[in-house]
PDB file of all heavy atoms in Angstrom:
ATOM      1  N   THR A   1      14.538  11.424  -9.122  1.00  0.00           N
ATOM      2  CA  THR A   1      14.909  11.798  -7.766  1.00  0.00           C
ATOM      3  C   THR A   1      15.125  10.528  -6.943  1.00  0.00           C
ATOM      4  O   THR A   1      14.764   9.416  -7.367  1.00  0.00           O
ATOM      5  CB  THR A   1      13.817  12.637  -7.103  1.00  0.00           C
ATOM      6  OG1 THR A   1      12.642  11.815  -6.949  1.00  0.00           O
ATOM      7  CG2 THR A   1      13.495  13.879  -7.920  1.00  0.00           C
ATOM      8  N   ALA A   2      15.696  10.698  -5.757  1.00  0.00           N
ATOM      9  CA  ALA A   2      15.895   9.552  -4.873  1.00  0.00           C
ATOM     10  C   ALA A   2      14.563   8.887  -4.545  1.00  0.00           C
ATOM     11  O   ALA A   2      14.458   7.651  -4.497  1.00  0.00           O
ATOM     12  CB  ALA A   2      16.602   9.999  -3.597  1.00  0.00           C
ATOM     13  N   ALA A   3      13.525   9.701  -4.349  1.00  0.00           N
ATOM     14  CA  ALA A   3      12.206   9.153  -4.036  1.00  0.00           C
ATOM     15  C   ALA A   3      11.651   8.355  -5.211  1.00  0.00           C
ATOM     16  O   ALA A   3      11.064   7.285  -5.030  1.00  0.00           O
ATOM     17  CB  ALA A   3      11.245  10.280  -3.663  1.00  0.00           C
ATOM     18  N   GLN A   4      11.826   8.853  -6.424  1.00  0.00           N
ATOM     19  CA  GLN A   4      11.330   8.152  -7.609  1.00  0.00           C
ATOM     20  C   GLN A   4      12.093   6.857  -7.854  1.00  0.00           C
ATOM     21  O   GLN A   4      11.502   5.838  -8.234  1.00  0.00           O
ATOM     22  CB  GLN A   4      11.428   9.067  -8.825  1.00  0.00           C
ATOM     23  CG  GLN A   4      10.441  10.229  -8.809  1.00  0.00           C
ATOM     24  CD  GLN A   4      10.713  11.250  -9.887  1.00  0.00           C
ATOM     25  OE1 GLN A   4      11.862  11.460 -10.292  1.00  0.00           O
ATOM     26  NE2 GLN A   4       9.651  11.906 -10.358  1.00  0.00           N
ATOM     27  N   LEU A   5      13.405   6.876  -7.634  1.00  0.00           N
ATOM     28  CA  LEU A   5      14.203   5.669  -7.813  1.00  0.00           C
ATOM     29  C   LEU A   5      13.795   4.604  -6.793  1.00  0.00           C
ATOM     30  O   LEU A   5      13.691   3.419  -7.120  1.00  0.00           O
ATOM     31  CB  LEU A   5      15.691   6.000  -7.670  1.00  0.00           C
ATOM     32  CG  LEU A   5      16.674   4.988  -8.261  1.00  0.00           C
ATOM     33  CD1 LEU A   5      16.501   4.871  -9.766  1.00  0.00           C
ATOM     34  CD2 LEU A   5      18.112   5.383  -7.926  1.00  0.00           C
ATOM     35  N   THR A   6      13.525   5.039  -5.570  1.00  0.00           N
ATOM     36  CA  THR A   6      13.065   4.119  -4.530  1.00  0.00           C
ATOM     37  C   THR A   6      11.715   3.507  -4.890  1.00  0.00           C
ATOM     38  O   THR A   6      11.501   2.300  -4.755  1.00  0.00           O
ATOM     39  CB  THR A   6      12.958   4.848  -3.180  1.00  0.00           C
ATOM     40  OG1 THR A   6      14.250   5.340  -2.804  1.00  0.00           O
ATOM     41  CG2 THR A   6      12.464   3.908  -2.091  1.00  0.00           C
ATOM     42  N   ALA A   7      10.794   4.342  -5.366  1.00  0.00           N
ATOM     43  CA  ALA A   7       9.459   3.857  -5.737  1.00  0.00           C
ATOM     44  C   ALA A   7       9.549   2.840  -6.868  1.00  0.00           C
ATOM     45  O   ALA A   7       8.847   1.818  -6.862  1.00  0.00           O
ATOM     46  CB  ALA A   7       8.574   5.029  -6.138  1.00  0.00           C
ATOM     47  N   GLU A   8      10.403   3.099  -7.851  1.00  0.00           N
ATOM     48  CA  GLU A   8      10.556   2.165  -8.966  1.00  0.00           C
ATOM     49  C   GLU A   8      11.164   0.847  -8.469  1.00  0.00           C
ATOM     50  O   GLU A   8      10.746  -0.243  -8.900  1.00  0.00           O
ATOM     51  CB  GLU A   8      11.451   2.778 -10.045  1.00  0.00           C
ATOM     52  CG  GLU A   8      11.654   1.906 -11.274  1.00  0.00           C
ATOM     53  CD  GLU A   8      10.378   1.693 -12.081  1.00  0.00           C
ATOM     54  OE1 GLU A   8       9.403   2.453 -11.879  1.00  0.00           O
ATOM     55  OE2 GLU A   8      10.352   0.766 -12.921  1.00  0.00           O
ATOM     56  N   ALA A   9      12.122   0.926  -7.561  1.00  0.00           N
ATOM     57  CA  ALA A   9      12.723  -0.280  -6.997  1.00  0.00           C
ATOM     58  C   ALA A   9      11.693  -1.099  -6.227  1.00  0.00           C
ATOM     59  O   ALA A   9      11.655  -2.334  -6.325  1.00  0.00           O
ATOM     60  CB  ALA A   9      13.900   0.093  -6.093  1.00  0.00           C
ATOM     61  N   GLU A  10      10.857  -0.429  -5.464  1.00  0.00           N
ATOM     62  CA  GLU A  10       9.824  -1.142  -4.695  1.00  0.00           C
ATOM     63  C   GLU A  10       8.828  -1.824  -5.627  1.00  0.00           C
ATOM     64  O   GLU A  10       8.354  -2.929  -5.343  1.00  0.00           O
ATOM     65  CB  GLU A  10       9.121  -0.163  -3.759  1.00  0.00           C
ATOM     66  CG  GLU A  10      10.029   0.301  -2.611  1.00  0.00           C
ATOM     67  CD  GLU A  10       9.398   1.385  -1.769  1.00  0.00           C
ATOM     68  OE1 GLU A  10       8.523   2.123  -2.306  1.00  0.00           O
ATOM     69  OE2 GLU A  10       9.787   1.518  -0.594  1.00  0.00           O
ATOM     70  N   HIS A  11       8.518  -1.181  -6.746  1.00  0.00           N
ATOM     71  CA  HIS A  11       7.623  -1.802  -7.732  1.00  0.00           C
ATOM     72  C   HIS A  11       8.277  -3.022  -8.369  1.00  0.00           C
ATOM     73  O   HIS A  11       7.659  -4.096  -8.471  1.00  0.00           O
ATOM     74  CB  HIS A  11       7.269  -0.767  -8.805  1.00  0.00           C
ATOM     75  CG  HIS A  11       6.578  -1.354  -9.998  1.00  0.00           C
ATOM     76  ND1 HIS A  11       5.300  -1.892  -9.949  1.00  0.00           N
ATOM     77  CD2 HIS A  11       6.995  -1.509 -11.288  1.00  0.00           C
ATOM     78  CE1 HIS A  11       4.967  -2.342 -11.144  1.00  0.00           C
ATOM     79  NE2 HIS A  11       5.974  -2.130 -11.968  1.00  0.00           N
ATOM     80  N   LEU A  12       9.525  -2.899  -8.770  1.00  0.00           N
ATOM     81  CA  LEU A  12      10.224  -4.013  -9.417  1.00  0.00           C
ATOM     82  C   LEU A  12      10.431  -5.181  -8.461  1.00  0.00           C
ATOM     83  O   LEU A  12      10.436  -6.344  -8.885  1.00  0.00           O
ATOM     84  CB  LEU A  12      11.582  -3.533  -9.944  1.00  0.00           C
ATOM     85  CG  LEU A  12      11.553  -2.563 -11.126  1.00  0.00           C
ATOM     86  CD1 LEU A  12      12.945  -2.000 -11.385  1.00  0.00           C
ATOM     87  CD2 LEU A  12      11.016  -3.246 -12.368  1.00  0.00           C
ATOM     88  N   ALA A  13      10.574  -4.883  -7.195  1.00  0.00           N
ATOM     89  CA  ALA A  13      10.841  -5.936  -6.202  1.00  0.00           C
ATOM     90  C   ALA A  13       9.720  -6.964  -6.144  1.00  0.00           C
ATOM     91  O   ALA A  13       9.948  -8.122  -5.782  1.00  0.00           O
ATOM     92  CB  ALA A  13      11.057  -5.315  -4.825  1.00  0.00           C
ATOM     93  N   THR A  14       8.518  -6.568  -6.534  1.00  0.00           N
ATOM     94  CA  THR A  14       7.394  -7.510  -6.505  1.00  0.00           C
ATOM     95  C   THR A  14       7.464  -8.522  -7.642  1.00  0.00           C
ATOM     96  O   THR A  14       6.726  -9.508  -7.642  1.00  0.00           O
ATOM     97  CB  THR A  14       6.058  -6.752  -6.605  1.00  0.00           C
ATOM     98  OG1 THR A  14       5.970  -6.094  -7.889  1.00  0.00           O
ATOM     99  CG2 THR A  14       5.941  -5.708  -5.506  1.00  0.00           C
ATOM    100  N   MET A  15       8.354  -8.307  -8.595  1.00  0.00           N
ATOM    101  CA  MET A  15       8.417  -9.154  -9.785  1.00  0.00           C
ATOM    102  C   MET A  15       9.533 -10.200  -9.725  1.00  0.00           C
ATOM    103  O   MET A  15       9.587 -11.081 -10.585  1.00  0.00           O
ATOM    104  CB  MET A  15       8.639  -8.284 -11.031  1.00  0.00           C
ATOM    105  CG  MET A  15       7.613  -7.190 -11.223  1.00  0.00           C
ATOM    106  SD  MET A  15       7.996  -6.187 -12.683  1.00  0.00           S
ATOM    107  CE  MET A  15       6.721  -4.921 -12.558  1.00  0.00           C
ATOM    108  N   PHE A  16      10.422 -10.082  -8.748  1.00  0.00           N
ATOM    109  CA  PHE A  16      11.599 -10.940  -8.726  1.00  0.00           C
ATOM    110  C   PHE A  16      11.455 -12.092  -7.746  1.00  0.00           C
ATOM    111  O   PHE A  16      10.864 -11.938  -6.670  1.00  0.00           O
ATOM    112  CB  PHE A  16      12.856 -10.127  -8.381  1.00  0.00           C
ATOM    113  CG  PHE A  16      13.171  -9.043  -9.365  1.00  0.00           C
ATOM    114  CD1 PHE A  16      13.687  -7.829  -8.946  1.00  0.00           C
ATOM    115  CD2 PHE A  16      12.939  -9.232 -10.714  1.00  0.00           C
ATOM    116  CE1 PHE A  16      13.983  -6.823  -9.853  1.00  0.00           C
ATOM    117  CE2 PHE A  16      13.231  -8.222 -11.640  1.00  0.00           C
ATOM    118  CZ  PHE A  16      13.751  -7.017 -11.202  1.00  0.00           C
ATOM    119  N   ARG A  17      12.026 -13.215  -8.123  1.00  0.00           N
ATOM    120  CA  ARG A  17      12.040 -14.401  -7.271  1.00  0.00           C
ATOM    121  C   ARG A  17      13.399 -15.094  -7.396  1.00  0.00           C
ATOM    122  O   ARG A  17      14.122 -14.883  -8.363  1.00  0.00           O
ATOM    123  CB  ARG A  17      10.944 -15.398  -7.693  1.00  0.00           C
ATOM    124  CG  ARG A  17       9.519 -14.887  -7.585  1.00  0.00           C
ATOM    125  CD  ARG A  17       9.081 -14.735  -6.130  1.00  0.00           C
ATOM    126  NE  ARG A  17       7.685 -14.331  -6.041  1.00  0.00           N
ATOM    127  CZ  ARG A  17       7.276 -13.077  -6.095  1.00  0.00           C
ATOM    128  NH1 ARG A  17       8.165 -12.107  -6.262  1.00  0.00           N
ATOM    129  NH2 ARG A  17       5.997 -12.767  -6.002  1.00  0.00           N
ATOM    130  N   GLY A  18      13.701 -15.944  -6.430  1.00  0.00           N
ATOM    131  CA  GLY A  18      14.899 -16.771  -6.531  1.00  0.00           C
ATOM    132  C   GLY A  18      16.092 -16.170  -5.827  1.00  0.00           C
ATOM    133  O   GLY A  18      16.119 -14.962  -5.540  1.00  0.00           O
ATOM    134  N   PRO A  19      17.071 -16.997  -5.566  1.00  0.00           N
ATOM    135  CA  PRO A  19      18.251 -16.517  -4.846  1.00  0.00           C
ATOM    136  C   PRO A  19      19.139 -15.612  -5.691  1.00  0.00           C
ATOM    137  O   PRO A  19      19.836 -14.759  -5.167  1.00  0.00           O
ATOM    138  CB  PRO A  19      18.983 -17.806  -4.485  1.00  0.00           C
ATOM    139  CG  PRO A  19      18.564 -18.787  -5.538  1.00  0.00           C
ATOM    140  CD  PRO A  19      17.140 -18.438  -5.851  1.00  0.00           C
ATOM    141  N   TYR A  20      19.111 -15.828  -7.028  1.00  0.00           N
ATOM    142  CA  TYR A  20      19.932 -15.020  -7.926  1.00  0.00           C
ATOM    143  C   TYR A  20      19.032 -14.359  -8.967  1.00  0.00           C
ATOM    144  O   TYR A  20      18.187 -15.013  -9.575  1.00  0.00           O
ATOM    145  CB  TYR A  20      20.966 -15.882  -8.650  1.00  0.00           C
ATOM    146  CG  TYR A  20      21.919 -16.607  -7.724  1.00  0.00           C
ATOM    147  CD1 TYR A  20      21.831 -17.985  -7.564  1.00  0.00           C
ATOM    148  CD2 TYR A  20      22.904 -15.913  -7.028  1.00  0.00           C
ATOM    149  CE1 TYR A  20      22.701 -18.662  -6.721  1.00  0.00           C
ATOM    150  CE2 TYR A  20      23.776 -16.584  -6.183  1.00  0.00           C
ATOM    151  CZ  TYR A  20      23.668 -17.954  -6.028  1.00  0.00           C
ATOM    152  OH  TYR A  20      24.523 -18.614  -5.194  1.00  0.00           O
ATOM    153  N   VAL A  21      19.221 -13.057  -9.164  1.00  0.00           N
ATOM    154  CA  VAL A  21      18.425 -12.326 -10.146  1.00  0.00           C
ATOM    155  C   VAL A  21      19.375 -11.632 -11.117  1.00  0.00           C
ATOM    156  O   VAL A  21      20.191 -10.800 -10.707  1.00  0.00           O
ATOM    157  CB  VAL A  21      17.519 -11.280  -9.477  1.00  0.00           C
ATOM    158  CG1 VAL A  21      16.691 -10.538 -10.532  1.00  0.00           C
ATOM    159  CG2 VAL A  21      16.606 -11.933  -8.446  1.00  0.00           C
ATOM    160  N   PRO A  22      19.300 -11.969 -12.409  1.00  0.00           N
ATOM    161  CA  PRO A  22      20.202 -11.346 -13.375  1.00  0.00           C
ATOM    162  C   PRO A  22      19.786  -9.916 -13.709  1.00  0.00           C
ATOM    163  O   PRO A  22      18.604  -9.577 -13.674  1.00  0.00           O
ATOM    164  CB  PRO A  22      20.083 -12.248 -14.602  1.00  0.00           C
ATOM    165  CG  PRO A  22      18.701 -12.818 -14.505  1.00  0.00           C
ATOM    166  CD  PRO A  22      18.428 -12.986 -13.034  1.00  0.00           C
ATOM    167  N   ILE A  23      20.769  -9.096 -14.024  1.00  0.00           N
ATOM    168  CA  ILE A  23      20.518  -7.773 -14.596  1.00  0.00           C
ATOM    169  C   ILE A  23      21.242  -7.741 -15.927  1.00  0.00           C
ATOM    170  O   ILE A  23      22.476  -7.779 -15.973  1.00  0.00           O
ATOM    171  CB  ILE A  23      21.052  -6.624 -13.710  1.00  0.00           C
ATOM    172  CG1 ILE A  23      20.581  -6.747 -12.269  1.00  0.00           C
ATOM    173  CG2 ILE A  23      20.627  -5.276 -14.297  1.00  0.00           C
ATOM    174  CD1 ILE A  23      21.109  -5.643 -11.361  1.00  0.00           C
ATOM    175  N   CYS A  24      20.483  -7.695 -16.995  1.00  0.00           N
ATOM    176  CA  CYS A  24      21.074  -7.679 -18.336  1.00  0.00           C
ATOM    177  C   CYS A  24      20.486  -6.494 -19.091  1.00  0.00           C
ATOM    178  O   CYS A  24      19.618  -6.640 -19.940  1.00  0.00           O
ATOM    179  CB  CYS A  24      20.799  -9.002 -19.052  1.00  0.00           C
ATOM    180  SG  CYS A  24      21.807  -9.253 -20.516  1.00  0.00           S
ATOM    181  N   GLN A  25      20.939  -5.310 -18.717  1.00  0.00           N
ATOM    182  CA  GLN A  25      20.415  -4.059 -19.264  1.00  0.00           C
ATOM    183  C   GLN A  25      21.573  -3.102 -19.497  1.00  0.00           C
ATOM    184  O   GLN A  25      22.601  -3.175 -18.812  1.00  0.00           O
ATOM    185  CB  GLN A  25      19.433  -3.409 -18.288  1.00  0.00           C
ATOM    186  CG  GLN A  25      18.262  -4.262 -17.868  1.00  0.00           C
ATOM    187  CD  GLN A  25      17.515  -3.658 -16.683  1.00  0.00           C
ATOM    188  OE1 GLN A  25      17.785  -2.540 -16.280  1.00  0.00           O
ATOM    189  NE2 GLN A  25      16.593  -4.403 -16.128  1.00  0.00           N
ATOM    190  N   PRO A  26      21.413  -2.166 -20.413  1.00  0.00           N
ATOM    191  CA  PRO A  26      22.425  -1.112 -20.569  1.00  0.00           C
ATOM    192  C   PRO A  26      22.355  -0.142 -19.393  1.00  0.00           C
ATOM    193  O   PRO A  26      21.403  -0.156 -18.602  1.00  0.00           O
ATOM    194  CB  PRO A  26      22.037  -0.433 -21.881  1.00  0.00           C
ATOM    195  CG  PRO A  26      20.569  -0.686 -22.006  1.00  0.00           C
ATOM    196  CD  PRO A  26      20.326  -2.043 -21.400  1.00  0.00           C
ATOM    197  N   ASN A  27      23.352   0.707 -19.278  1.00  0.00           N
ATOM    198  CA  ASN A  27      23.375   1.718 -18.221  1.00  0.00           C
ATOM    199  C   ASN A  27      22.112   2.574 -18.274  1.00  0.00           C
ATOM    200  O   ASN A  27      21.778   3.128 -19.323  1.00  0.00           O
ATOM    201  CB  ASN A  27      24.593   2.635 -18.380  1.00  0.00           C
ATOM    202  CG  ASN A  27      25.889   1.956 -17.971  1.00  0.00           C
ATOM    203  OD1 ASN A  27      25.906   0.796 -17.573  1.00  0.00           O
ATOM    204  ND2 ASN A  27      26.986   2.691 -18.070  1.00  0.00           N
ATOM    205  N   SER A  28      21.430   2.671 -17.153  1.00  0.00           N
ATOM    206  CA  SER A  28      20.205   3.470 -17.093  1.00  0.00           C
ATOM    207  C   SER A  28      19.749   3.575 -15.647  1.00  0.00           C
ATOM    208  O   SER A  28      20.219   2.838 -14.773  1.00  0.00           O
ATOM    209  CB  SER A  28      19.085   2.820 -17.925  1.00  0.00           C
ATOM    210  OG  SER A  28      18.752   1.553 -17.384  1.00  0.00           O
ATOM    211  N   ALA A  29      18.796   4.470 -15.410  1.00  0.00           N
ATOM    212  CA  ALA A  29      18.177   4.546 -14.089  1.00  0.00           C
ATOM    213  C   ALA A  29      17.457   3.238 -13.777  1.00  0.00           C
ATOM    214  O   ALA A  29      17.404   2.818 -12.613  1.00  0.00           O
ATOM    215  CB  ALA A  29      17.209   5.720 -14.029  1.00  0.00           C
ATOM    216  N   LEU A  30      16.922   2.585 -14.816  1.00  0.00           N
ATOM    217  CA  LEU A  30      16.251   1.306 -14.607  1.00  0.00           C
ATOM    218  C   LEU A  30      17.229   0.251 -14.094  1.00  0.00           C
ATOM    219  O   LEU A  30      16.866  -0.569 -13.249  1.00  0.00           O
ATOM    220  CB  LEU A  30      15.591   0.837 -15.900  1.00  0.00           C
ATOM    221  CG  LEU A  30      14.820  -0.491 -15.825  1.00  0.00           C
ATOM    222  CD1 LEU A  30      13.690  -0.395 -14.800  1.00  0.00           C
ATOM    223  CD2 LEU A  30      14.274  -0.871 -17.195  1.00  0.00           C
ATOM    224  N   TRP A  31      18.453   0.254 -14.604  1.00  0.00           N
ATOM    225  CA  TRP A  31      19.468  -0.676 -14.086  1.00  0.00           C
ATOM    226  C   TRP A  31      19.644  -0.444 -12.579  1.00  0.00           C
ATOM    227  O   TRP A  31      19.661  -1.397 -11.788  1.00  0.00           O
ATOM    228  CB  TRP A  31      20.804  -0.466 -14.806  1.00  0.00           C
ATOM    229  CG  TRP A  31      21.832  -1.541 -14.556  1.00  0.00           C
ATOM    230  CD1 TRP A  31      22.187  -2.534 -15.413  1.00  0.00           C
ATOM    231  CD2 TRP A  31      22.618  -1.746 -13.359  1.00  0.00           C
ATOM    232  NE1 TRP A  31      23.141  -3.349 -14.836  1.00  0.00           N
ATOM    233  CE2 TRP A  31      23.416  -2.889 -13.576  1.00  0.00           C
ATOM    234  CE3 TRP A  31      22.712  -1.093 -12.132  1.00  0.00           C
ATOM    235  CZ2 TRP A  31      24.313  -3.373 -12.613  1.00  0.00           C
ATOM    236  CZ3 TRP A  31      23.584  -1.577 -11.164  1.00  0.00           C
ATOM    237  CH2 TRP A  31      24.375  -2.702 -11.420  1.00  0.00           C
ATOM    238  N   LEU A  32      19.775   0.808 -12.190  1.00  0.00           N
ATOM    239  CA  LEU A  32      19.984   1.135 -10.777  1.00  0.00           C
ATOM    240  C   LEU A  32      18.781   0.722  -9.934  1.00  0.00           C
ATOM    241  O   LEU A  32      18.935   0.162  -8.846  1.00  0.00           O
ATOM    242  CB  LEU A  32      20.256   2.631 -10.625  1.00  0.00           C
ATOM    243  CG  LEU A  32      21.567   3.127 -11.257  1.00  0.00           C
ATOM    244  CD1 LEU A  32      21.562   4.647 -11.368  1.00  0.00           C
ATOM    245  CD2 LEU A  32      22.773   2.642 -10.448  1.00  0.00           C
ATOM    246  N   ALA A  33      17.576   0.986 -10.440  1.00  0.00           N
ATOM    247  CA  ALA A  33      16.365   0.600  -9.714  1.00  0.00           C
ATOM    248  C   ALA A  33      16.271  -0.915  -9.586  1.00  0.00           C
ATOM    249  O   ALA A  33      15.851  -1.441  -8.541  1.00  0.00           O
ATOM    250  CB  ALA A  33      15.128   1.154 -10.404  1.00  0.00           C
ATOM    251  N   THR A  34      16.665  -1.637 -10.628  1.00  0.00           N
ATOM    252  CA  THR A  34      16.640  -3.099 -10.592  1.00  0.00           C
ATOM    253  C   THR A  34      17.621  -3.623  -9.553  1.00  0.00           C
ATOM    254  O   THR A  34      17.301  -4.539  -8.771  1.00  0.00           O
ATOM    255  CB  THR A  34      16.983  -3.674 -11.974  1.00  0.00           C
ATOM    256  OG1 THR A  34      16.031  -3.194 -12.937  1.00  0.00           O
ATOM    257  CG2 THR A  34      16.952  -5.194 -11.963  1.00  0.00           C
ATOM    258  N   PHE A  35      18.808  -3.067  -9.520  1.00  0.00           N
ATOM    259  CA  PHE A  35      19.799  -3.476  -8.528  1.00  0.00           C
ATOM    260  C   PHE A  35      19.269  -3.249  -7.113  1.00  0.00           C
ATOM    261  O   PHE A  35      19.400  -4.108  -6.233  1.00  0.00           O
ATOM    262  CB  PHE A  35      21.105  -2.701  -8.735  1.00  0.00           C
ATOM    263  CG  PHE A  35      22.220  -3.111  -7.809  1.00  0.00           C
ATOM    264  CD1 PHE A  35      23.007  -4.215  -8.099  1.00  0.00           C
ATOM    265  CD2 PHE A  35      22.474  -2.391  -6.653  1.00  0.00           C
ATOM    266  CE1 PHE A  35      24.042  -4.598  -7.247  1.00  0.00           C
ATOM    267  CE2 PHE A  35      23.504  -2.765  -5.789  1.00  0.00           C
ATOM    268  CZ  PHE A  35      24.294  -3.873  -6.080  1.00  0.00           C
ATOM    269  N   LEU A  36      18.634  -2.099  -6.893  1.00  0.00           N
ATOM    270  CA  LEU A  36      18.072  -1.795  -5.577  1.00  0.00           C
ATOM    271  C   LEU A  36      16.929  -2.749  -5.235  1.00  0.00           C
ATOM    272  O   LEU A  36      16.793  -3.188  -4.085  1.00  0.00           O
ATOM    273  CB  LEU A  36      17.583  -0.352  -5.542  1.00  0.00           C
ATOM    274  CG  LEU A  36      18.668   0.722  -5.464  1.00  0.00           C
ATOM    275  CD1 LEU A  36      18.069   2.102  -5.702  1.00  0.00           C
ATOM    276  CD2 LEU A  36      19.401   0.666  -4.129  1.00  0.00           C
ATOM    277  N   ALA A  37      16.100  -3.075  -6.227  1.00  0.00           N
ATOM    278  CA  ALA A  37      14.982  -3.995  -5.993  1.00  0.00           C
ATOM    279  C   ALA A  37      15.490  -5.360  -5.538  1.00  0.00           C
ATOM    280  O   ALA A  37      14.913  -5.991  -4.638  1.00  0.00           O
ATOM    281  CB  ALA A  37      14.152  -4.135  -7.266  1.00  0.00           C
ATOM    282  N   ILE A  38      16.562  -5.819  -6.149  1.00  0.00           N
ATOM    283  CA  ILE A  38      17.146  -7.111  -5.778  1.00  0.00           C
ATOM    284  C   ILE A  38      17.669  -7.065  -4.341  1.00  0.00           C
ATOM    285  O   ILE A  38      17.523  -8.027  -3.579  1.00  0.00           O
ATOM    286  CB  ILE A  38      18.258  -7.494  -6.772  1.00  0.00           C
ATOM    287  CG1 ILE A  38      17.664  -7.676  -8.177  1.00  0.00           C
ATOM    288  CG2 ILE A  38      18.966  -8.772  -6.326  1.00  0.00           C
ATOM    289  CD1 ILE A  38      18.705  -7.760  -9.280  1.00  0.00           C
ATOM    290  N   GLN A  39      18.237  -5.934  -3.966  1.00  0.00           N
ATOM    291  CA  GLN A  39      18.710  -5.789  -2.580  1.00  0.00           C
ATOM    292  C   GLN A  39      17.529  -5.772  -1.607  1.00  0.00           C
ATOM    293  O   GLN A  39      17.623  -6.288  -0.489  1.00  0.00           O
ATOM    294  CB  GLN A  39      19.543  -4.515  -2.435  1.00  0.00           C
ATOM    295  CG  GLN A  39      20.734  -4.418  -3.382  1.00  0.00           C
ATOM    296  CD  GLN A  39      21.576  -5.667  -3.402  1.00  0.00           C
ATOM    297  OE1 GLN A  39      21.970  -6.199  -2.358  1.00  0.00           O
ATOM    298  NE2 GLN A  39      21.861  -6.175  -4.594  1.00  0.00           N
ATOM    299  N   LYS A  40      16.435  -5.181  -2.035  1.00  0.00           N
ATOM    300  CA  LYS A  40      15.257  -5.109  -1.157  1.00  0.00           C
ATOM    301  C   LYS A  40      14.736  -6.493  -0.806  1.00  0.00           C
ATOM    302  O   LYS A  40      14.333  -6.738   0.343  1.00  0.00           O
ATOM    303  CB  LYS A  40      14.143  -4.280  -1.808  1.00  0.00           C
ATOM    304  CG  LYS A  40      12.858  -4.210  -0.984  1.00  0.00           C
ATOM    305  CD  LYS A  40      11.824  -3.316  -1.627  1.00  0.00           C
ATOM    306  CE  LYS A  40      10.480  -3.425  -0.913  1.00  0.00           C
ATOM    307  NZ  LYS A  40      10.537  -3.114   0.526  1.00  0.00           N
ATOM    308  N   ILE A  41      14.724  -7.426  -1.771  1.00  0.00           N
ATOM    309  CA  ILE A  41      14.175  -8.764  -1.496  1.00  0.00           C
ATOM    310  C   ILE A  41      15.219  -9.709  -0.914  1.00  0.00           C
ATOM    311  O   ILE A  41      14.919 -10.872  -0.648  1.00  0.00           O
ATOM    312  CB  ILE A  41      13.553  -9.381  -2.763  1.00  0.00           C
ATOM    313  CG1 ILE A  41      14.625  -9.683  -3.813  1.00  0.00           C
ATOM    314  CG2 ILE A  41      12.454  -8.488  -3.327  1.00  0.00           C
ATOM    315  CD1 ILE A  41      14.127 -10.494  -4.992  1.00  0.00           C
TER     316      ILE A  41
END
């Protein structure tokens, strides 16, 4: 759900650092959550 995707993005956002964050994953909800997490930070 939108709420679950948001929660996963907020969790992932605590793990990322730096001006550029790579996403090297196949198509998945995790890819989308990672992209959102990068936008959050």
